[in-house]
Protein backbone atom coordinates (compact mmCIF):
# COMPACT_ATOMS: atom_id res chain seq x y z
CA UNK A 1 1.95 -33.08 -30.46
CA UNK A 2 1.66 -29.28 -30.18
CA UNK A 3 4.90 -29.10 -28.18
CA UNK A 4 6.82 -30.64 -31.08
CA UNK A 5 5.45 -27.99 -33.41
CA UNK A 6 6.52 -25.21 -31.06
CA UNK A 7 10.07 -26.58 -30.91
CA UNK A 8 10.29 -26.67 -34.70
CA UNK A 9 9.22 -23.01 -34.98
CA UNK A 10 11.86 -21.72 -32.57
CA UNK A 11 13.25 -18.47 -33.90
CA UNK A 12 16.59 -17.01 -32.94
CA UNK A 13 15.92 -13.51 -31.69
CA UNK A 14 19.36 -12.53 -30.45
CA UNK A 15 22.79 -13.62 -31.59
CA UNK A 16 26.37 -12.49 -31.18
CA UNK A 17 28.42 -11.58 -34.24
CA UNK A 18 32.13 -12.26 -34.80
CA UNK A 19 33.08 -8.93 -33.23
CA UNK A 20 31.21 -9.78 -30.02
CA UNK A 21 28.28 -7.44 -30.64
CA UNK A 22 24.74 -8.45 -29.76
CA UNK A 23 22.61 -8.61 -32.91
CA UNK A 24 18.81 -8.49 -32.65
CA UNK A 25 16.54 -10.05 -35.29
CA UNK A 26 14.20 -7.15 -36.11
CA UNK A 27 11.78 -9.43 -37.96
CA UNK A 28 10.98 -11.33 -34.79
CA UNK A 29 7.36 -11.86 -33.79
CA UNK A 30 8.10 -11.45 -30.08
CA UNK A 31 7.20 -8.39 -28.07
CA UNK A 32 9.84 -5.65 -27.98
CA UNK A 33 10.07 -6.04 -24.22
CA UNK A 34 10.94 -9.74 -24.51
CA UNK A 35 13.45 -9.06 -27.29
CA UNK A 36 15.15 -6.44 -25.10
CA UNK A 37 15.30 -8.90 -22.21
CA UNK A 38 16.87 -11.57 -24.44
CA UNK A 39 19.45 -9.04 -25.69
CA UNK A 40 20.39 -8.10 -22.13
CA UNK A 41 20.66 -11.76 -21.13
CA UNK A 42 22.89 -12.50 -24.15
CA UNK A 43 25.14 -9.55 -23.29
CA UNK A 44 25.48 -10.61 -19.66
CA UNK A 45 26.16 -14.22 -20.66
CA UNK A 46 28.91 -13.11 -23.04
CA UNK A 47 30.50 -10.99 -20.31
CA UNK A 48 30.34 -13.89 -17.84
CA UNK A 49 31.95 -16.27 -20.32
CA UNK A 50 34.72 -13.77 -21.09
CA UNK A 51 35.41 -13.35 -17.38
CA UNK A 52 35.49 -17.12 -16.85
CA UNK A 53 37.89 -17.50 -19.74
CA UNK A 54 40.16 -14.75 -18.40
CA UNK A 55 40.13 -16.35 -14.95
CA UNK A 56 41.02 -19.72 -16.44
CA UNK A 57 44.07 -18.35 -18.27
CA UNK A 58 45.20 -16.34 -15.22
CA UNK A 59 45.01 -19.50 -13.12
CA UNK A 60 46.96 -21.43 -15.75
CA UNK A 61 49.95 -19.01 -15.50
CA UNK A 62 50.57 -19.82 -11.83
């Protein structure tokens, strides 16, 4: 039953705003090191998705 409680208390630490910037929740209860890691992962994921999208549209023009 403890696992269900942990899933309900999931907090969003990092998000991406409408301009594509990584936004960090400063009121998070996670360690600063973990928050920094999540921010880097979010940034790299956004870059990968942008590259995949660009590749898709380049392929479509052939």
